[in-house]
Amino acid sequence: MKIKVESACISRKRCFLYTILLFILAGVFEIGGGYLMWLWLREGRELVFAFLGAAVLFLYGVVPTFQPSYFHRIYATYGGIFVVMSLLWGWIFDKTPPDTYDLIGALIILIGVSIIYYWPRKEEAL
């Protein structure tokens, strides 16, 4: 069964907000699901953490399919956003703030993924 999902990008601004929200949602699902699995395997929590983690990771796999671009650009950009969100996750949940080098690296990554995903191309109209 093949399902085609069209995005609701009416304007550049709306498309930008739509894609950023999807990247953040996917990041929360992947990091959250991975964290639940971590708690189960590394910290000896109950089996329910594993099942919840697996369900949340499944949702992570679904969310990027709603992005209005090609697979390779979506996952390259998501990888950069994942790095930044991982640093924020560690700061919020593990009380480990990012250091100067984390922040510099995150800024470089965000510039790179912004170019990869949002730079206008002739063959694509957002």
PDB file of N, CA and C in Angstrom:
ATOM      1  N   MET A   1       0.843  -1.169   0.000  1.00  0.00           N
ATOM      2  CA  MET A   1       0.000   0.000   0.000  1.00  0.00           C
ATOM      3  C   MET A   1       0.892   1.237   0.000  1.00  0.00           C
ATOM      4  N   LYS A   2       0.640   2.138  -0.928  1.00  0.00           N
ATOM      5  CA  LYS A   2       1.421   3.360  -1.042  1.00  0.00           C
ATOM      6  C   LYS A   2       0.546   4.545  -0.640  1.00  0.00           C
ATOM      7  N   ILE A   3       1.067   5.325   0.304  1.00  0.00           N
ATOM      8  CA  ILE A   3       0.342   6.498   0.776  1.00  0.00           C
ATOM      9  C   ILE A   3       1.163   7.726   0.430  1.00  0.00           C
ATOM     10  N   LYS A   4       0.556   8.685  -0.217  1.00  0.00           N
ATOM     11  CA  LYS A   4       1.249   9.926  -0.545  1.00  0.00           C
ATOM     12  C   LYS A   4       0.688  11.030   0.338  1.00  0.00           C
ATOM     13  N   VAL A   5       1.585  11.716   1.017  1.00  0.00           N
ATOM     14  CA  VAL A   5       1.181  12.793   1.918  1.00  0.00           C
ATOM     15  C   VAL A   5       1.621  14.115   1.317  1.00  0.00           C
ATOM     16  N   GLU A   6       0.703  15.013   1.137  1.00  0.00           N
ATOM     17  CA  GLU A   6       1.008  16.347   0.654  1.00  0.00           C
ATOM     18  C   GLU A   6       1.060  17.309   1.826  1.00  0.00           C
ATOM     19  N   SER A   7       1.983  18.235   1.792  1.00  0.00           N
ATOM     20  CA  SER A   7       2.089  19.208   2.876  1.00  0.00           C
ATOM     21  C   SER A   7       1.102  20.347   2.661  1.00  0.00           C
ATOM     22  N   ALA A   8       0.873  21.091   3.727  1.00  0.00           N
ATOM     23  CA  ALA A   8      -0.052  22.215   3.686  1.00  0.00           C
ATOM     24  C   ALA A   8       0.710  23.531   3.618  1.00  0.00           C
ATOM     25  N   CYS A   9       1.762  23.585   2.827  1.00  0.00           N
ATOM     26  CA  CYS A   9       2.569  24.801   2.745  1.00  0.00           C
ATOM     27  C   CYS A   9       1.906  25.794   1.798  1.00  0.00           C
ATOM     28  N   ILE A  10       1.308  26.804   2.369  1.00  0.00           N
ATOM     29  CA  ILE A  10       0.647  27.832   1.581  1.00  0.00           C
ATOM     30  C   ILE A  10       1.603  28.978   1.292  1.00  0.00           C
ATOM     31  N   SER A  11       2.435  29.321   2.240  1.00  0.00           N
ATOM     32  CA  SER A  11       3.408  30.393   2.063  1.00  0.00           C
ATOM     33  C   SER A  11       4.756  29.933   2.613  1.00  0.00           C
ATOM     34  N   ARG A  12       5.805  30.666   2.274  1.00  0.00           N
ATOM     35  CA  ARG A  12       7.138  30.325   2.783  1.00  0.00           C
ATOM     36  C   ARG A  12       7.175  30.364   4.299  1.00  0.00           C
ATOM     37  N   LYS A  13       6.581  31.396   4.888  1.00  0.00           N
ATOM     38  CA  LYS A  13       6.582  31.536   6.345  1.00  0.00           C
ATOM     39  C   LYS A  13       5.829  30.387   7.001  1.00  0.00           C
ATOM     40  N   ARG A  14       4.647  30.059   6.475  1.00  0.00           N
ATOM     41  CA  ARG A  14       3.858  28.962   7.032  1.00  0.00           C
ATOM     42  C   ARG A  14       4.581  27.631   6.836  1.00  0.00           C
ATOM     43  N   CYS A  15       5.219  27.452   5.689  1.00  0.00           N
ATOM     44  CA  CYS A  15       5.960  26.214   5.423  1.00  0.00           C
ATOM     45  C   CYS A  15       7.147  26.085   6.382  1.00  0.00           C
ATOM     46  N   PHE A  16       7.839  27.198   6.627  1.00  0.00           N
ATOM     47  CA  PHE A  16       8.964  27.186   7.558  1.00  0.00           C
ATOM     48  C   PHE A  16       8.498  26.764   8.953  1.00  0.00           C
ATOM     49  N   LEU A  17       7.430  27.370   9.438  1.00  0.00           N
ATOM     50  CA  LEU A  17       6.903  27.025  10.764  1.00  0.00           C
ATOM     51  C   LEU A  17       6.438  25.574  10.819  1.00  0.00           C
ATOM     52  N   TYR A  18       5.759  25.120   9.770  1.00  0.00           N
ATOM     53  CA  TYR A  18       5.275  23.744   9.684  1.00  0.00           C
ATOM     54  C   TYR A  18       6.441  22.750   9.767  1.00  0.00           C
ATOM     55  N   THR A  19       7.493  22.996   8.987  1.00  0.00           N
ATOM     56  CA  THR A  19       8.614  22.058   8.969  1.00  0.00           C
ATOM     57  C   THR A  19       9.390  22.089  10.284  1.00  0.00           C
ATOM     58  N   ILE A  20       9.568  23.267  10.866  1.00  0.00           N
ATOM     59  CA  ILE A  20      10.277  23.353  12.151  1.00  0.00           C
ATOM     60  C   ILE A  20       9.511  22.583  13.221  1.00  0.00           C
ATOM     61  N   LEU A  21       8.196  22.752  13.256  1.00  0.00           N
ATOM     62  CA  LEU A  21       7.391  22.019  14.242  1.00  0.00           C
ATOM     63  C   LEU A  21       7.501  20.510  14.041  1.00  0.00           C
ATOM     64  N   LEU A  22       7.509  20.065  12.793  1.00  0.00           N
ATOM     65  CA  LEU A  22       7.665  18.629  12.533  1.00  0.00           C
ATOM     66  C   LEU A  22       9.045  18.131  12.952  1.00  0.00           C
ATOM     67  N   PHE A  23      10.092  18.915  12.698  1.00  0.00           N
ATOM     68  CA  PHE A  23      11.432  18.517  13.134  1.00  0.00           C
ATOM     69  C   PHE A  23      11.502  18.423  14.651  1.00  0.00           C
ATOM     70  N   ILE A  24      10.907  19.371  15.348  1.00  0.00           N
ATOM     71  CA  ILE A  24      10.920  19.352  16.813  1.00  0.00           C
ATOM     72  C   ILE A  24      10.117  18.164  17.335  1.00  0.00           C
ATOM     73  N   LEU A  25       8.952  17.924  16.746  1.00  0.00           N
ATOM     74  CA  LEU A  25       8.132  16.787  17.173  1.00  0.00           C
ATOM     75  C   LEU A  25       8.872  15.467  16.957  1.00  0.00           C
ATOM     76  N   ALA A  26       9.496  15.311  15.802  1.00  0.00           N
ATOM     77  CA  ALA A  26      10.269  14.087  15.544  1.00  0.00           C
ATOM     78  C   ALA A  26      11.416  13.960  16.540  1.00  0.00           C
ATOM     79  N   GLY A  27      12.056  15.076  16.848  1.00  0.00           N
ATOM     80  CA  GLY A  27      13.156  15.055  17.817  1.00  0.00           C
ATOM     81  C   GLY A  27      12.702  14.635  19.200  1.00  0.00           C
ATOM     82  N   VAL A  28      11.570  15.163  19.630  1.00  0.00           N
ATOM     83  CA  VAL A  28      11.033  14.785  20.945  1.00  0.00           C
ATOM     84  C   VAL A  28      10.711  13.290  20.963  1.00  0.00           C
ATOM     85  N   PHE A  29      10.127  12.788  19.875  1.00  0.00           N
ATOM     86  CA  PHE A  29       9.794  11.366  19.829  1.00  0.00           C
ATOM     87  C   PHE A  29      11.049  10.497  19.818  1.00  0.00           C
ATOM     88  N   GLU A  30      12.054  10.871  19.017  1.00  0.00           N
ATOM     89  CA  GLU A  30      13.246  10.012  18.968  1.00  0.00           C
ATOM     90  C   GLU A  30      14.038  10.076  20.273  1.00  0.00           C
ATOM     91  N   ILE A  31      14.282  11.271  20.757  1.00  0.00           N
ATOM     92  CA  ILE A  31      15.055  11.389  21.992  1.00  0.00           C
ATOM     93  C   ILE A  31      14.260  10.825  23.167  1.00  0.00           C
ATOM     94  N   GLY A  32      12.970  11.124  23.211  1.00  0.00           N
ATOM     95  CA  GLY A  32      12.128  10.608  24.295  1.00  0.00           C
ATOM     96  C   GLY A  32      12.036   9.088  24.276  1.00  0.00           C
ATOM     97  N   GLY A  33      11.840   8.518  23.087  1.00  0.00           N
ATOM     98  CA  GLY A  33      11.781   7.059  22.978  1.00  0.00           C
ATOM     99  C   GLY A  33      13.099   6.413  23.337  1.00  0.00           C
ATOM    100  N   GLY A  34      14.195   7.005  22.858  1.00  0.00           N
ATOM    101  CA  GLY A  34      15.512   6.491  23.201  1.00  0.00           C
ATOM    102  C   GLY A  34      15.802   6.609  24.690  1.00  0.00           C
ATOM    103  N   TYR A  35      15.340   7.695  25.289  1.00  0.00           N
ATOM    104  CA  TYR A  35      15.545   7.900  26.723  1.00  0.00           C
ATOM    105  C   TYR A  35      14.770   6.863  27.538  1.00  0.00           C
ATOM    106  N   LEU A  36      13.554   6.556  27.102  1.00  0.00           N
ATOM    107  CA  LEU A  36      12.780   5.515  27.795  1.00  0.00           C
ATOM    108  C   LEU A  36      13.477   4.157  27.699  1.00  0.00           C
ATOM    109  N   MET A  37      14.029   3.848  26.521  1.00  0.00           N
ATOM    110  CA  MET A  37      14.778   2.594  26.368  1.00  0.00           C
ATOM    111  C   MET A  37      16.028   2.614  27.250  1.00  0.00           C
ATOM    112  N   TRP A  38      16.688   3.751  27.328  1.00  0.00           N
ATOM    113  CA  TRP A  38      17.873   3.929  28.175  1.00  0.00           C
ATOM    114  C   TRP A  38      17.516   3.650  29.632  1.00  0.00           C
ATOM    115  N   LEU A  39      16.411   4.235  30.073  1.00  0.00           N
ATOM    116  CA  LEU A  39      15.989   4.024  31.467  1.00  0.00           C
ATOM    117  C   LEU A  39      15.730   2.545  31.741  1.00  0.00           C
ATOM    118  N   TRP A  40      15.130   1.859  30.765  1.00  0.00           N
ATOM    119  CA  TRP A  40      14.833   0.440  30.942  1.00  0.00           C
ATOM    120  C   TRP A  40      16.120  -0.395  30.974  1.00  0.00           C
ATOM    121  N   LEU A  41      16.990  -0.194  29.985  1.00  0.00           N
ATOM    122  CA  LEU A  41      18.184  -1.035  29.870  1.00  0.00           C
ATOM    123  C   LEU A  41      19.320  -0.627  30.797  1.00  0.00           C
ATOM    124  N   ARG A  42      19.560   0.657  30.945  1.00  0.00           N
ATOM    125  CA  ARG A  42      20.718   1.111  31.705  1.00  0.00           C
ATOM    126  C   ARG A  42      20.427   1.365  33.174  1.00  0.00           C
ATOM    127  N   GLU A  43      19.171   1.690  33.469  1.00  0.00           N
ATOM    128  CA  GLU A  43      18.853   2.039  34.850  1.00  0.00           C
ATOM    129  C   GLU A  43      17.865   1.070  35.503  1.00  0.00           C
ATOM    130  N   GLY A  44      17.601  -0.042  34.820  1.00  0.00           N
ATOM    131  CA  GLY A  44      16.815  -1.114  35.413  1.00  0.00           C
ATOM    132  C   GLY A  44      15.347  -0.806  35.676  1.00  0.00           C
ATOM    133  N   ARG A  45      14.773   0.083  34.894  1.00  0.00           N
ATOM    134  CA  ARG A  45      13.353   0.379  35.077  1.00  0.00           C
ATOM    135  C   ARG A  45      12.501  -0.769  34.546  1.00  0.00           C
ATOM    136  N   GLU A  46      11.218  -0.702  34.827  1.00  0.00           N
ATOM    137  CA  GLU A  46      10.286  -1.770  34.456  1.00  0.00           C
ATOM    138  C   GLU A  46      10.178  -1.927  32.934  1.00  0.00           C
ATOM    139  N   LEU A  47       9.670  -3.090  32.517  1.00  0.00           N
ATOM    140  CA  LEU A  47       9.514  -3.420  31.100  1.00  0.00           C
ATOM    141  C   LEU A  47       8.580  -2.445  30.387  1.00  0.00           C
ATOM    142  N   VAL A  48       7.681  -1.828  31.111  1.00  0.00           N
ATOM    143  CA  VAL A  48       6.761  -0.872  30.500  1.00  0.00           C
ATOM    144  C   VAL A  48       7.529   0.279  29.838  1.00  0.00           C
ATOM    145  N   PHE A  49       8.704   0.645  30.366  1.00  0.00           N
ATOM    146  CA  PHE A  49       9.525   1.691  29.762  1.00  0.00           C
ATOM    147  C   PHE A  49       9.974   1.272  28.362  1.00  0.00           C
ATOM    148  N   ALA A  50      10.284  -0.010  28.196  1.00  0.00           N
ATOM    149  CA  ALA A  50      10.699  -0.521  26.884  1.00  0.00           C
ATOM    150  C   ALA A  50       9.550  -0.435  25.885  1.00  0.00           C
ATOM    151  N   PHE A  51       8.360  -0.835  26.298  1.00  0.00           N
ATOM    152  CA  PHE A  51       7.210  -0.796  25.395  1.00  0.00           C
ATOM    153  C   PHE A  51       6.826   0.641  25.034  1.00  0.00           C
ATOM    154  N   LEU A  52       6.858   1.518  26.019  1.00  0.00           N
ATOM    155  CA  LEU A  52       6.568   2.933  25.741  1.00  0.00           C
ATOM    156  C   LEU A  52       7.634   3.533  24.824  1.00  0.00           C
ATOM    157  N   GLY A  53       8.890   3.198  25.102  1.00  0.00           N
ATOM    158  CA  GLY A  53       9.983   3.675  24.253  1.00  0.00           C
ATOM    159  C   GLY A  53       9.829   3.210  22.815  1.00  0.00           C
ATOM    160  N   ALA A  54       9.472   1.951  22.628  1.00  0.00           N
ATOM    161  CA  ALA A  54       9.284   1.412  21.276  1.00  0.00           C
ATOM    162  C   ALA A  54       8.129   2.114  20.567  1.00  0.00           C
ATOM    163  N   ALA A  55       7.042   2.361  21.275  1.00  0.00           N
ATOM    164  CA  ALA A  55       5.889   3.045  20.677  1.00  0.00           C
ATOM    165  C   ALA A  55       6.253   4.475  20.279  1.00  0.00           C
ATOM    166  N   VAL A  56       6.975   5.160  21.136  1.00  0.00           N
ATOM    167  CA  VAL A  56       7.368   6.542  20.843  1.00  0.00           C
ATOM    168  C   VAL A  56       8.361   6.577  19.679  1.00  0.00           C
ATOM    169  N   LEU A  57       9.282   5.617  19.633  1.00  0.00           N
ATOM    170  CA  LEU A  57      10.218   5.547  18.510  1.00  0.00           C
ATOM    171  C   LEU A  57       9.495   5.243  17.198  1.00  0.00           C
ATOM    172  N   PHE A  58       8.437   4.454  17.258  1.00  0.00           N
ATOM    173  CA  PHE A  58       7.619   4.206  16.063  1.00  0.00           C
ATOM    174  C   PHE A  58       7.029   5.521  15.561  1.00  0.00           C
ATOM    175  N   LEU A  59       6.511   6.330  16.475  1.00  0.00           N
ATOM    176  CA  LEU A  59       5.950   7.625  16.083  1.00  0.00           C
ATOM    177  C   LEU A  59       7.013   8.522  15.453  1.00  0.00           C
ATOM    178  N   TYR A  60       8.231   8.451  15.975  1.00  0.00           N
ATOM    179  CA  TYR A  60       9.336   9.201  15.380  1.00  0.00           C
ATOM    180  C   TYR A  60       9.500   8.816  13.909  1.00  0.00           C
ATOM    181  N   GLY A  61       9.366   7.543  13.608  1.00  0.00           N
ATOM    182  CA  GLY A  61       9.516   7.087  12.225  1.00  0.00           C
ATOM    183  C   GLY A  61       8.421   7.587  11.299  1.00  0.00           C
ATOM    184  N   VAL A  62       7.267   7.905  11.847  1.00  0.00           N
ATOM    185  CA  VAL A  62       6.136   8.365  11.043  1.00  0.00           C
ATOM    186  C   VAL A  62       6.209   9.867  10.767  1.00  0.00           C
ATOM    187  N   VAL A  63       6.576  10.652  11.759  1.00  0.00           N
ATOM    188  CA  VAL A  63       6.520  12.116  11.658  1.00  0.00           C
ATOM    189  C   VAL A  63       7.302  12.678  10.466  1.00  0.00           C
ATOM    190  N   PRO A  64       8.531  12.247  10.187  1.00  0.00           N
ATOM    191  CA  PRO A  64       9.255  12.839   9.064  1.00  0.00           C
ATOM    192  C   PRO A  64       8.584  12.639   7.703  1.00  0.00           C
ATOM    193  N   THR A  65       7.698  11.678   7.591  1.00  0.00           N
ATOM    194  CA  THR A  65       7.037  11.463   6.308  1.00  0.00           C
ATOM    195  C   THR A  65       6.096  12.610   5.934  1.00  0.00           C
ATOM    196  N   PHE A  66       5.785  13.470   6.866  1.00  0.00           N
ATOM    197  CA  PHE A  66       4.930  14.615   6.597  1.00  0.00           C
ATOM    198  C   PHE A  66       5.724  15.837   6.110  1.00  0.00           C
ATOM    199  N   GLN A  67       7.039  15.742   6.063  1.00  0.00           N
ATOM    200  CA  GLN A  67       7.867  16.853   5.603  1.00  0.00           C
ATOM    201  C   GLN A  67       7.771  16.988   4.085  1.00  0.00           C
ATOM    202  N   PRO A  68       7.735  18.227   3.584  1.00  0.00           N
ATOM    203  CA  PRO A  68       7.592  18.458   2.144  1.00  0.00           C
ATOM    204  C   PRO A  68       8.931  18.539   1.400  1.00  0.00           C
ATOM    205  N   SER A  69       9.762  17.515   1.510  1.00  0.00           N
ATOM    206  CA  SER A  69      11.030  17.513   0.795  1.00  0.00           C
ATOM    207  C   SER A  69      11.442  16.076   0.535  1.00  0.00           C
ATOM    208  N   TYR A  70      12.687  15.916   0.102  1.00  0.00           N
ATOM    209  CA  TYR A  70      13.229  14.599  -0.183  1.00  0.00           C
ATOM    210  C   TYR A  70      13.783  13.954   1.080  1.00  0.00           C
ATOM    211  N   PHE A  71      13.778  12.623   1.097  1.00  0.00           N
ATOM    212  CA  PHE A  71      14.224  11.843   2.253  1.00  0.00           C
ATOM    213  C   PHE A  71      15.603  12.282   2.735  1.00  0.00           C
ATOM    214  N   HIS A  72      16.567  12.390   1.818  1.00  0.00           N
ATOM    215  CA  HIS A  72      17.948  12.686   2.228  1.00  0.00           C
ATOM    216  C   HIS A  72      18.062  14.063   2.888  1.00  0.00           C
ATOM    217  N   ARG A  73      17.343  15.043   2.392  1.00  0.00           N
ATOM    218  CA  ARG A  73      17.401  16.378   3.005  1.00  0.00           C
ATOM    219  C   ARG A  73      16.687  16.408   4.349  1.00  0.00           C
ATOM    220  N   ILE A  74      15.589  15.696   4.434  1.00  0.00           N
ATOM    221  CA  ILE A  74      14.844  15.645   5.694  1.00  0.00           C
ATOM    222  C   ILE A  74      15.713  15.028   6.786  1.00  0.00           C
ATOM    223  N   TYR A  75      16.328  13.892   6.497  1.00  0.00           N
ATOM    224  CA  TYR A  75      17.108  13.205   7.526  1.00  0.00           C
ATOM    225  C   TYR A  75      18.428  13.909   7.826  1.00  0.00           C
ATOM    226  N   ALA A  76      19.034  14.555   6.846  1.00  0.00           N
ATOM    227  CA  ALA A  76      20.244  15.333   7.117  1.00  0.00           C
ATOM    228  C   ALA A  76      19.910  16.501   8.045  1.00  0.00           C
ATOM    229  N   THR A  77      18.825  17.183   7.751  1.00  0.00           N
ATOM    230  CA  THR A  77      18.411  18.319   8.579  1.00  0.00           C
ATOM    231  C   THR A  77      17.984  17.845   9.955  1.00  0.00           C
ATOM    232  N   TYR A  78      17.222  16.775   9.983  1.00  0.00           N
ATOM    233  CA  TYR A  78      16.788  16.252  11.277  1.00  0.00           C
ATOM    234  C   TYR A  78      17.999  15.886  12.142  1.00  0.00           C
ATOM    235  N   GLY A  79      19.044  15.329  11.524  1.00  0.00           N
ATOM    236  CA  GLY A  79      20.243  14.969  12.284  1.00  0.00           C
ATOM    237  C   GLY A  79      20.836  16.164  13.006  1.00  0.00           C
ATOM    238  N   GLY A  80      20.871  17.310  12.336  1.00  0.00           N
ATOM    239  CA  GLY A  80      21.381  18.523  12.971  1.00  0.00           C
ATOM    240  C   GLY A  80      20.480  19.007  14.086  1.00  0.00           C
ATOM    241  N   ILE A  81      19.195  18.961  13.853  1.00  0.00           N
ATOM    242  CA  ILE A  81      18.247  19.381  14.885  1.00  0.00           C
ATOM    243  C   ILE A  81      18.302  18.415  16.068  1.00  0.00           C
ATOM    244  N   PHE A  82      18.511  17.140  15.778  1.00  0.00           N
ATOM    245  CA  PHE A  82      18.650  16.137  16.826  1.00  0.00           C
ATOM    246  C   PHE A  82      19.838  16.468  17.736  1.00  0.00           C
ATOM    247  N   VAL A  83      20.948  16.909  17.159  1.00  0.00           N
ATOM    248  CA  VAL A  83      22.124  17.267  17.953  1.00  0.00           C
ATOM    249  C   VAL A  83      21.778  18.382  18.939  1.00  0.00           C
ATOM    250  N   VAL A  84      21.141  19.424  18.433  1.00  0.00           N
ATOM    251  CA  VAL A  84      20.785  20.560  19.286  1.00  0.00           C
ATOM    252  C   VAL A  84      19.784  20.132  20.361  1.00  0.00           C
ATOM    253  N   MET A  85      18.782  19.364  19.971  1.00  0.00           N
ATOM    254  CA  MET A  85      17.777  18.915  20.940  1.00  0.00           C
ATOM    255  C   MET A  85      18.385  17.967  21.980  1.00  0.00           C
ATOM    256  N   SER A  86      19.370  17.172  21.596  1.00  0.00           N
ATOM    257  CA  SER A  86      20.037  16.289  22.552  1.00  0.00           C
ATOM    258  C   SER A  86      20.764  17.097  23.620  1.00  0.00           C
ATOM    259  N   LEU A  87      21.413  18.183  23.198  1.00  0.00           N
ATOM    260  CA  LEU A  87      22.079  19.053  24.172  1.00  0.00           C
ATOM    261  C   LEU A  87      21.059  19.681  25.124  1.00  0.00           C
ATOM    262  N   LEU A  88      19.927  20.116  24.578  1.00  0.00           N
ATOM    263  CA  LEU A  88      18.872  20.681  25.425  1.00  0.00           C
ATOM    264  C   LEU A  88      18.291  19.623  26.361  1.00  0.00           C
ATOM    265  N   TRP A  89      18.107  18.412  25.862  1.00  0.00           N
ATOM    266  CA  TRP A  89      17.579  17.306  26.677  1.00  0.00           C
ATOM    267  C   TRP A  89      18.497  17.042  27.867  1.00  0.00           C
ATOM    268  N   GLY A  90      19.804  16.980  27.597  1.00  0.00           N
ATOM    269  CA  GLY A  90      20.771  16.754  28.671  1.00  0.00           C
ATOM    270  C   GLY A  90      20.749  17.872  29.702  1.00  0.00           C
ATOM    271  N   TRP A  91      20.551  19.095  29.239  1.00  0.00           N
ATOM    272  CA  TRP A  91      20.507  20.241  30.134  1.00  0.00           C
ATOM    273  C   TRP A  91      19.252  20.195  31.007  1.00  0.00           C
ATOM    274  N   ILE A  92      18.118  19.855  30.401  1.00  0.00           N
ATOM    275  CA  ILE A  92      16.847  19.842  31.137  1.00  0.00           C
ATOM    276  C   ILE A  92      16.724  18.623  32.046  1.00  0.00           C
ATOM    277  N   PHE A  93      16.985  17.423  31.514  1.00  0.00           N
ATOM    278  CA  PHE A  93      16.708  16.197  32.264  1.00  0.00           C
ATOM    279  C   PHE A  93      17.894  15.678  33.080  1.00  0.00           C
ATOM    280  N   ASP A  94      19.101  15.900  32.579  1.00  0.00           N
ATOM    281  CA  ASP A  94      20.280  15.413  33.296  1.00  0.00           C
ATOM    282  C   ASP A  94      21.023  16.533  34.028  1.00  0.00           C
ATOM    283  N   LYS A  95      20.509  17.741  33.916  1.00  0.00           N
ATOM    284  CA  LYS A  95      21.101  18.914  34.597  1.00  0.00           C
ATOM    285  C   LYS A  95      22.565  19.127  34.204  1.00  0.00           C
ATOM    286  N   THR A  96      22.884  18.855  32.926  1.00  0.00           N
ATOM    287  CA  THR A  96      24.225  19.054  32.392  1.00  0.00           C
ATOM    288  C   THR A  96      24.162  20.130  31.312  1.00  0.00           C
ATOM    289  N   PRO A  97      24.497  21.369  31.661  1.00  0.00           N
ATOM    290  CA  PRO A  97      24.388  22.440  30.662  1.00  0.00           C
ATOM    291  C   PRO A  97      25.429  22.297  29.560  1.00  0.00           C
ATOM    292  N   PRO A  98      25.081  22.729  28.347  1.00  0.00           N
ATOM    293  CA  PRO A  98      26.067  22.698  27.265  1.00  0.00           C
ATOM    294  C   PRO A  98      27.195  23.687  27.546  1.00  0.00           C
ATOM    295  N   ASP A  99      28.411  23.321  27.154  1.00  0.00           N
ATOM    296  CA  ASP A  99      29.529  24.246  27.333  1.00  0.00           C
ATOM    297  C   ASP A  99      29.707  25.088  26.069  1.00  0.00           C
ATOM    298  N   THR A 100      30.709  25.922  26.072  1.00  0.00           N
ATOM    299  CA  THR A 100      30.947  26.829  24.946  1.00  0.00           C
ATOM    300  C   THR A 100      31.121  26.066  23.640  1.00  0.00           C
ATOM    301  N   TYR A 101      31.839  24.960  23.676  1.00  0.00           N
ATOM    302  CA  TYR A 101      32.104  24.192  22.461  1.00  0.00           C
ATOM    303  C   TYR A 101      30.841  23.485  21.966  1.00  0.00           C
ATOM    304  N   ASP A 102      29.984  23.059  22.884  1.00  0.00           N
ATOM    305  CA  ASP A 102      28.684  22.508  22.491  1.00  0.00           C
ATOM    306  C   ASP A 102      27.881  23.572  21.743  1.00  0.00           C
ATOM    307  N   LEU A 103      27.872  24.779  22.279  1.00  0.00           N
ATOM    308  CA  LEU A 103      27.093  25.866  21.679  1.00  0.00           C
ATOM    309  C   LEU A 103      27.647  26.275  20.316  1.00  0.00           C
ATOM    310  N   ILE A 104      28.964  26.356  20.197  1.00  0.00           N
ATOM    311  CA  ILE A 104      29.583  26.691  18.912  1.00  0.00           C
ATOM    312  C   ILE A 104      29.265  25.608  17.884  1.00  0.00           C
ATOM    313  N   GLY A 105      29.425  24.354  18.278  1.00  0.00           N
ATOM    314  CA  GLY A 105      29.126  23.247  17.370  1.00  0.00           C
ATOM    315  C   GLY A 105      27.669  23.238  16.951  1.00  0.00           C
ATOM    316  N   ALA A 106      26.766  23.493  17.899  1.00  0.00           N
ATOM    317  CA  ALA A 106      25.339  23.511  17.587  1.00  0.00           C
ATOM    318  C   ALA A 106      25.009  24.632  16.606  1.00  0.00           C
ATOM    319  N   LEU A 107      25.622  25.796  16.779  1.00  0.00           N
ATOM    320  CA  LEU A 107      25.392  26.912  15.865  1.00  0.00           C
ATOM    321  C   LEU A 107      25.866  26.567  14.460  1.00  0.00           C
ATOM    322  N   ILE A 108      27.048  25.979  14.358  1.00  0.00           N
ATOM    323  CA  ILE A 108      27.572  25.570  13.047  1.00  0.00           C
ATOM    324  C   ILE A 108      26.635  24.562  12.392  1.00  0.00           C
ATOM    325  N   ILE A 109      26.169  23.597  13.169  1.00  0.00           N
ATOM    326  CA  ILE A 109      25.258  22.581  12.637  1.00  0.00           C
ATOM    327  C   ILE A 109      23.955  23.206  12.160  1.00  0.00           C
ATOM    328  N   LEU A 110      23.385  24.123  12.937  1.00  0.00           N
ATOM    329  CA  LEU A 110      22.124  24.756  12.540  1.00  0.00           C
ATOM    330  C   LEU A 110      22.281  25.579  11.260  1.00  0.00           C
ATOM    331  N   ILE A 111      23.417  26.236  11.103  1.00  0.00           N
ATOM    332  CA  ILE A 111      23.667  26.963   9.854  1.00  0.00           C
ATOM    333  C   ILE A 111      23.726  25.976   8.693  1.00  0.00           C
ATOM    334  N   GLY A 112      24.434  24.883   8.880  1.00  0.00           N
ATOM    335  CA  GLY A 112      24.547  23.873   7.824  1.00  0.00           C
ATOM    336  C   GLY A 112      23.218  23.264   7.429  1.00  0.00           C
ATOM    337  N   VAL A 113      22.425  22.865   8.405  1.00  0.00           N
ATOM    338  CA  VAL A 113      21.152  22.228   8.057  1.00  0.00           C
ATOM    339  C   VAL A 113      20.161  23.236   7.487  1.00  0.00           C
ATOM    340  N   SER A 114      20.279  24.494   7.881  1.00  0.00           N
ATOM    341  CA  SER A 114      19.416  25.524   7.290  1.00  0.00           C
ATOM    342  C   SER A 114      19.713  25.673   5.799  1.00  0.00           C
ATOM    343  N   ILE A 115      20.984  25.614   5.447  1.00  0.00           N
ATOM    344  CA  ILE A 115      21.363  25.675   4.036  1.00  0.00           C
ATOM    345  C   ILE A 115      20.858  24.429   3.307  1.00  0.00           C
ATOM    346  N   ILE A 116      21.073  23.256   3.892  1.00  0.00           N
ATOM    347  CA  ILE A 116      20.653  22.013   3.250  1.00  0.00           C
ATOM    348  C   ILE A 116      19.145  21.990   2.993  1.00  0.00           C
ATOM    349  N   TYR A 117      18.365  22.359   3.984  1.00  0.00           N
ATOM    350  CA  TYR A 117      16.917  22.180   3.872  1.00  0.00           C
ATOM    351  C   TYR A 117      16.192  23.383   3.283  1.00  0.00           C
ATOM    352  N   TYR A 118      16.610  24.590   3.642  1.00  0.00           N
ATOM    353  CA  TYR A 118      15.812  25.764   3.285  1.00  0.00           C
ATOM    354  C   TYR A 118      16.356  26.596   2.132  1.00  0.00           C
ATOM    355  N   TRP A 119      17.562  26.292   1.646  1.00  0.00           N
ATOM    356  CA  TRP A 119      18.090  27.075   0.535  1.00  0.00           C
ATOM    357  C   TRP A 119      17.217  26.850  -0.698  1.00  0.00           C
ATOM    358  N   PRO A 120      16.758  27.919  -1.337  1.00  0.00           N
ATOM    359  CA  PRO A 120      15.873  27.752  -2.509  1.00  0.00           C
ATOM    360  C   PRO A 120      16.578  27.032  -3.661  1.00  0.00           C
ATOM    361  N   ARG A 121      15.863  26.137  -4.273  1.00  0.00           N
ATOM    362  CA  ARG A 121      16.381  25.405  -5.428  1.00  0.00           C
ATOM    363  C   ARG A 121      15.419  25.571  -6.588  1.00  0.00           C
ATOM    364  N   LYS A 122      15.964  25.543  -7.793  1.00  0.00           N
ATOM    365  CA  LYS A 122      15.136  25.737  -8.991  1.00  0.00           C
ATOM    366  C   LYS A 122      14.071  24.658  -9.142  1.00  0.00           C
ATOM    367  N   GLU A 123      14.434  23.409  -8.817  1.00  0.00           N
ATOM    368  CA  GLU A 123      13.514  22.292  -9.047  1.00  0.00           C
ATOM    369  C   GLU A 123      12.425  22.156  -7.991  1.00  0.00           C
ATOM    370  N   GLU A 124      12.532  22.908  -6.905  1.00  0.00           N
ATOM    371  CA  GLU A 124      11.551  22.815  -5.820  1.00  0.00           C
ATOM    372  C   GLU A 124      10.909  24.160  -5.576  1.00  0.00           C
ATOM    373  N   ALA A 125       9.627  24.150  -5.416  1.00  0.00           N
ATOM    374  CA  ALA A 125       8.918  25.377  -5.063  1.00  0.00           C
ATOM    375  C   ALA A 125       8.189  25.114  -3.758  1.00  0.00           C
ATOM    376  N   LEU A 126       8.569  25.832  -2.688  1.00  0.00           N
ATOM    377  CA  LEU A 126       7.899  25.666  -1.396  1.00  0.00           C
ATOM    378  C   LEU A 126       6.738  26.614  -1.282  1.00  0.00           C
TER     379      LEU A 126
END
